[in-house]
Every structure is written in C-alpha cells, then in structure tokens.
Amino acid sequence: MGSNDNRRPPMWMTVIMIVMLLPLFSWPFVVSDYPEGKDEYLVLIYLFPIYALLSVYCAYKTYVARKELSIIILSLLMLSYIACAWWLIV
C-alpha cells in the first residue's frame, strides 16, 4: 500500500460512484426521444450529465475529509435521477 492510499476513497465507495454514473449512458436516447413541444425541461436534460459528473467528482474529492458530505452529495444525485425519471414518465 502506497502513501497515496489514505487520500482516496475505499474501493467499495469508488464502485458506488461509478455505478451512479452508469445511467448517463442512456442520456443520448433520452435526448433523441424527447417529445417536441415540451421545451421547458430541455435545458435541464442537457445540463443533467454535467451535474452528475460534477456531483461524483465532488463526492470523490470530499470523501476522505468529509465522508458524510460525500454520502449526502451521492444521495442528492440519486434523488435527482428519480426526479428526472419522474419528469420523463409524466
């Protein structure tokens, strides 16, 4: 184990963060299937991948110093995924 290991999240947390990014692979399909005339959420759909990437990056960087903050950031991302799915269904 190197001296850099204590500045990184554990492997299980890194796997959770990667899993939190997996839904972004469906983003091109969401954009291509977005119905015409519902332009009020179009900006949110285009900005959501940036938000998800930044959330996981911040959670990764803050895990060592503030584990609770990292978990809160990932929880907010999960709630955002649920809200986006709800908006796309309704």
N, C-alpha and C. Protein backbone atom coordinates (compact mmCIF):
# COMPACT_ATOMS: atom_id res chain seq x y z
N MET A 1 0.83 -1.18 0.00
CA MET A 1 0.00 0.00 0.00
C MET A 1 0.88 1.25 0.00
N GLY A 2 0.59 2.16 -0.91
CA GLY A 2 1.38 3.37 -1.02
C GLY A 2 0.88 4.45 -0.07
N SER A 3 1.61 5.53 -0.01
CA SER A 3 1.21 6.63 0.87
C SER A 3 0.02 7.39 0.31
N ASN A 4 -0.32 7.17 -0.94
CA ASN A 4 -1.44 7.86 -1.57
C ASN A 4 -2.78 7.20 -1.25
N ASP A 5 -2.77 5.99 -0.67
CA ASP A 5 -4.00 5.26 -0.41
C ASP A 5 -4.90 5.93 0.60
N ASN A 6 -4.33 6.64 1.57
CA ASN A 6 -5.17 7.26 2.58
C ASN A 6 -5.80 8.57 2.09
N ARG A 7 -5.53 8.99 0.86
CA ARG A 7 -6.16 10.19 0.30
C ARG A 7 -7.21 9.84 -0.74
N ARG A 8 -7.52 8.59 -0.87
CA ARG A 8 -8.55 8.13 -1.82
C ARG A 8 -9.66 7.44 -1.07
N PRO A 9 -10.87 7.46 -1.65
CA PRO A 9 -11.95 6.68 -1.04
C PRO A 9 -11.65 5.19 -1.17
N PRO A 10 -12.26 4.38 -0.31
CA PRO A 10 -12.07 2.94 -0.45
C PRO A 10 -12.66 2.43 -1.77
N MET A 11 -12.26 1.25 -2.16
CA MET A 11 -12.68 0.69 -3.45
C MET A 11 -14.20 0.55 -3.53
N TRP A 12 -14.85 0.15 -2.45
CA TRP A 12 -16.30 -0.03 -2.49
C TRP A 12 -17.02 1.30 -2.76
N MET A 13 -16.48 2.40 -2.24
CA MET A 13 -17.10 3.70 -2.49
C MET A 13 -16.85 4.15 -3.92
N THR A 14 -15.68 3.85 -4.46
CA THR A 14 -15.38 4.16 -5.85
C THR A 14 -16.31 3.39 -6.79
N VAL A 15 -16.59 2.13 -6.46
CA VAL A 15 -17.53 1.34 -7.27
C VAL A 15 -18.93 1.95 -7.21
N ILE A 16 -19.36 2.39 -6.04
CA ILE A 16 -20.68 3.03 -5.92
C ILE A 16 -20.73 4.29 -6.77
N MET A 17 -19.66 5.05 -6.77
CA MET A 17 -19.64 6.28 -7.58
C MET A 17 -19.70 5.97 -9.07
N ILE A 18 -19.02 4.93 -9.49
CA ILE A 18 -19.07 4.54 -10.91
C ILE A 18 -20.47 4.05 -11.27
N VAL A 19 -21.09 3.30 -10.40
CA VAL A 19 -22.46 2.83 -10.64
C VAL A 19 -23.43 4.01 -10.74
N MET A 20 -23.17 5.06 -9.96
CA MET A 20 -24.03 6.24 -10.02
C MET A 20 -23.91 6.96 -11.37
N LEU A 21 -22.84 6.72 -12.11
CA LEU A 21 -22.67 7.34 -13.42
C LEU A 21 -23.21 6.48 -14.56
N LEU A 22 -23.52 5.24 -14.32
CA LEU A 22 -23.98 4.35 -15.38
C LEU A 22 -25.25 4.83 -16.10
N PRO A 23 -26.22 5.42 -15.40
CA PRO A 23 -27.41 5.90 -16.13
C PRO A 23 -27.11 6.96 -17.18
N LEU A 24 -25.96 7.57 -17.12
CA LEU A 24 -25.62 8.58 -18.14
C LEU A 24 -25.43 7.98 -19.52
N PHE A 25 -25.21 6.67 -19.60
CA PHE A 25 -25.08 6.03 -20.91
C PHE A 25 -26.41 6.04 -21.66
N SER A 26 -27.52 6.21 -20.97
CA SER A 26 -28.82 6.28 -21.64
C SER A 26 -29.17 7.71 -22.04
N TRP A 27 -28.33 8.67 -21.70
CA TRP A 27 -28.62 10.07 -21.98
C TRP A 27 -28.85 10.37 -23.46
N PRO A 28 -28.06 9.83 -24.40
CA PRO A 28 -28.36 10.11 -25.82
C PRO A 28 -29.75 9.63 -26.24
N PHE A 29 -30.21 8.52 -25.68
CA PHE A 29 -31.54 8.03 -26.01
C PHE A 29 -32.62 8.92 -25.43
N VAL A 30 -32.37 9.47 -24.25
CA VAL A 30 -33.33 10.39 -23.63
C VAL A 30 -33.47 11.65 -24.48
N VAL A 31 -32.37 12.17 -24.93
CA VAL A 31 -32.41 13.39 -25.75
C VAL A 31 -33.07 13.12 -27.09
N SER A 32 -32.77 11.98 -27.69
CA SER A 32 -33.35 11.70 -29.01
C SER A 32 -34.84 11.38 -28.94
N ASP A 33 -35.31 10.85 -27.80
CA ASP A 33 -36.73 10.53 -27.66
C ASP A 33 -37.54 11.62 -26.96
N TYR A 34 -36.92 12.76 -26.72
CA TYR A 34 -37.63 13.83 -26.02
C TYR A 34 -38.73 14.38 -26.93
N PRO A 35 -39.96 14.49 -26.41
CA PRO A 35 -41.08 14.92 -27.26
C PRO A 35 -40.98 16.39 -27.67
N GLU A 36 -41.44 16.67 -28.86
CA GLU A 36 -41.47 18.04 -29.37
C GLU A 36 -42.51 18.84 -28.59
N GLY A 37 -42.24 20.10 -28.36
CA GLY A 37 -43.20 20.97 -27.70
C GLY A 37 -43.05 21.03 -26.20
N LYS A 38 -42.25 20.18 -25.59
CA LYS A 38 -42.02 20.24 -24.14
C LYS A 38 -40.63 20.81 -23.89
N ASP A 39 -40.44 22.05 -24.27
CA ASP A 39 -39.12 22.66 -24.21
C ASP A 39 -38.76 23.22 -22.83
N GLU A 40 -39.70 23.21 -21.87
CA GLU A 40 -39.40 23.81 -20.57
C GLU A 40 -38.37 23.01 -19.77
N TYR A 41 -38.22 21.72 -20.04
CA TYR A 41 -37.24 20.90 -19.33
C TYR A 41 -36.02 20.56 -20.19
N LEU A 42 -35.97 21.07 -21.38
CA LEU A 42 -34.88 20.72 -22.30
C LEU A 42 -33.52 21.17 -21.78
N VAL A 43 -33.46 22.33 -21.16
CA VAL A 43 -32.19 22.81 -20.60
C VAL A 43 -31.73 21.89 -19.48
N LEU A 44 -32.67 21.44 -18.65
CA LEU A 44 -32.31 20.52 -17.56
C LEU A 44 -31.79 19.20 -18.11
N ILE A 45 -32.37 18.74 -19.19
CA ILE A 45 -31.92 17.48 -19.78
C ILE A 45 -30.50 17.61 -20.33
N TYR A 46 -30.19 18.75 -20.90
CA TYR A 46 -28.84 18.95 -21.43
C TYR A 46 -27.81 19.17 -20.33
N LEU A 47 -28.21 19.78 -19.22
CA LEU A 47 -27.27 20.07 -18.14
C LEU A 47 -27.12 18.93 -17.14
N PHE A 48 -28.04 17.97 -17.13
CA PHE A 48 -28.00 16.93 -16.12
C PHE A 48 -26.73 16.09 -16.15
N PRO A 49 -26.20 15.69 -17.30
CA PRO A 49 -24.95 14.92 -17.28
C PRO A 49 -23.79 15.69 -16.65
N ILE A 50 -23.75 16.98 -16.87
CA ILE A 50 -22.70 17.79 -16.26
C ILE A 50 -22.87 17.79 -14.75
N TYR A 51 -24.11 17.95 -14.29
CA TYR A 51 -24.40 17.90 -12.86
C TYR A 51 -24.00 16.56 -12.26
N ALA A 52 -24.32 15.47 -12.94
CA ALA A 52 -23.99 14.14 -12.42
C ALA A 52 -22.48 13.94 -12.34
N LEU A 53 -21.77 14.33 -13.37
CA LEU A 53 -20.31 14.20 -13.36
C LEU A 53 -19.67 15.04 -12.26
N LEU A 54 -20.13 16.27 -12.11
CA LEU A 54 -19.58 17.13 -11.06
C LEU A 54 -19.93 16.62 -9.67
N SER A 55 -21.11 16.06 -9.51
CA SER A 55 -21.50 15.50 -8.22
C SER A 55 -20.60 14.35 -7.82
N VAL A 56 -20.36 13.44 -8.73
CA VAL A 56 -19.50 12.30 -8.43
C VAL A 56 -18.06 12.77 -8.20
N TYR A 57 -17.60 13.73 -8.97
CA TYR A 57 -16.25 14.26 -8.77
C TYR A 57 -16.12 14.89 -7.37
N CYS A 58 -17.11 15.70 -6.98
CA CYS A 58 -17.07 16.33 -5.66
C CYS A 58 -17.16 15.29 -4.55
N ALA A 59 -18.00 14.27 -4.74
CA ALA A 59 -18.11 13.21 -3.74
C ALA A 59 -16.78 12.46 -3.61
N TYR A 60 -16.11 12.24 -4.72
CA TYR A 60 -14.82 11.55 -4.70
C TYR A 60 -13.77 12.39 -3.96
N LYS A 61 -13.74 13.67 -4.27
CA LYS A 61 -12.73 14.54 -3.67
C LYS A 61 -12.97 14.81 -2.19
N THR A 62 -14.22 14.82 -1.75
CA THR A 62 -14.52 15.14 -0.36
C THR A 62 -14.61 13.93 0.55
N TYR A 63 -14.51 12.72 0.01
CA TYR A 63 -14.75 11.53 0.83
C TYR A 63 -13.77 11.42 1.99
N VAL A 64 -12.51 11.63 1.76
CA VAL A 64 -11.50 11.43 2.81
C VAL A 64 -11.69 12.44 3.95
N ALA A 65 -11.92 13.69 3.61
CA ALA A 65 -12.05 14.72 4.64
C ALA A 65 -13.44 14.74 5.27
N ARG A 66 -14.48 14.56 4.46
CA ARG A 66 -15.86 14.66 4.95
C ARG A 66 -16.70 13.54 4.35
N LYS A 67 -16.68 12.39 4.96
CA LYS A 67 -17.42 11.22 4.46
C LYS A 67 -18.92 11.50 4.39
N GLU A 68 -19.44 12.19 5.38
CA GLU A 68 -20.88 12.48 5.42
C GLU A 68 -21.29 13.36 4.24
N LEU A 69 -20.48 14.35 3.92
CA LEU A 69 -20.78 15.23 2.79
C LEU A 69 -20.77 14.46 1.48
N SER A 70 -19.85 13.55 1.34
CA SER A 70 -19.79 12.72 0.14
C SER A 70 -21.05 11.88 -0.01
N ILE A 71 -21.50 11.30 1.07
CA ILE A 71 -22.72 10.49 1.03
C ILE A 71 -23.94 11.35 0.74
N ILE A 72 -23.98 12.55 1.28
CA ILE A 72 -25.09 13.47 1.01
C ILE A 72 -25.11 13.86 -0.46
N ILE A 73 -23.96 14.15 -1.04
CA ILE A 73 -23.88 14.51 -2.46
C ILE A 73 -24.39 13.37 -3.34
N LEU A 74 -23.98 12.14 -3.03
CA LEU A 74 -24.44 11.00 -3.82
C LEU A 74 -25.93 10.74 -3.61
N SER A 75 -26.43 11.00 -2.40
CA SER A 75 -27.86 10.85 -2.15
C SER A 75 -28.67 11.86 -2.94
N LEU A 76 -28.17 13.09 -3.02
CA LEU A 76 -28.85 14.11 -3.84
C LEU A 76 -28.83 13.74 -5.31
N LEU A 77 -27.74 13.15 -5.75
CA LEU A 77 -27.69 12.69 -7.14
C LEU A 77 -28.72 11.59 -7.39
N MET A 78 -28.86 10.66 -6.45
CA MET A 78 -29.86 9.60 -6.60
C MET A 78 -31.27 10.19 -6.64
N LEU A 79 -31.54 11.16 -5.78
CA LEU A 79 -32.85 11.81 -5.80
C LEU A 79 -33.06 12.56 -7.12
N SER A 80 -32.00 13.11 -7.67
CA SER A 80 -32.11 13.79 -8.96
C SER A 80 -32.42 12.81 -10.09
N TYR A 81 -31.81 11.63 -10.04
CA TYR A 81 -32.14 10.60 -11.02
C TYR A 81 -33.62 10.22 -10.94
N ILE A 82 -34.11 10.07 -9.72
CA ILE A 82 -35.52 9.71 -9.52
C ILE A 82 -36.42 10.82 -10.04
N ALA A 83 -36.08 12.07 -9.75
CA ALA A 83 -36.90 13.20 -10.21
C ALA A 83 -36.89 13.28 -11.73
N CYS A 84 -35.74 13.08 -12.35
CA CYS A 84 -35.66 13.12 -13.82
C CYS A 84 -36.48 12.00 -14.44
N ALA A 85 -36.42 10.84 -13.87
CA ALA A 85 -37.22 9.72 -14.38
C ALA A 85 -38.70 10.05 -14.24
N TRP A 86 -39.08 10.65 -13.14
CA TRP A 86 -40.49 11.03 -12.93
C TRP A 86 -40.94 12.05 -13.97
N TRP A 87 -40.11 13.06 -14.24
CA TRP A 87 -40.47 14.08 -15.23
C TRP A 87 -40.58 13.50 -16.61
N LEU A 88 -39.74 12.54 -16.93
CA LEU A 88 -39.80 11.94 -18.26
C LEU A 88 -40.99 11.00 -18.43
N ILE A 89 -41.43 10.41 -17.35
CA ILE A 89 -42.57 9.50 -17.41
C ILE A 89 -43.88 10.29 -17.49
N VAL A 90 -43.97 11.34 -16.71
CA VAL A 90 -45.23 12.10 -16.64
C VAL A 90 -45.36 13.05 -17.75
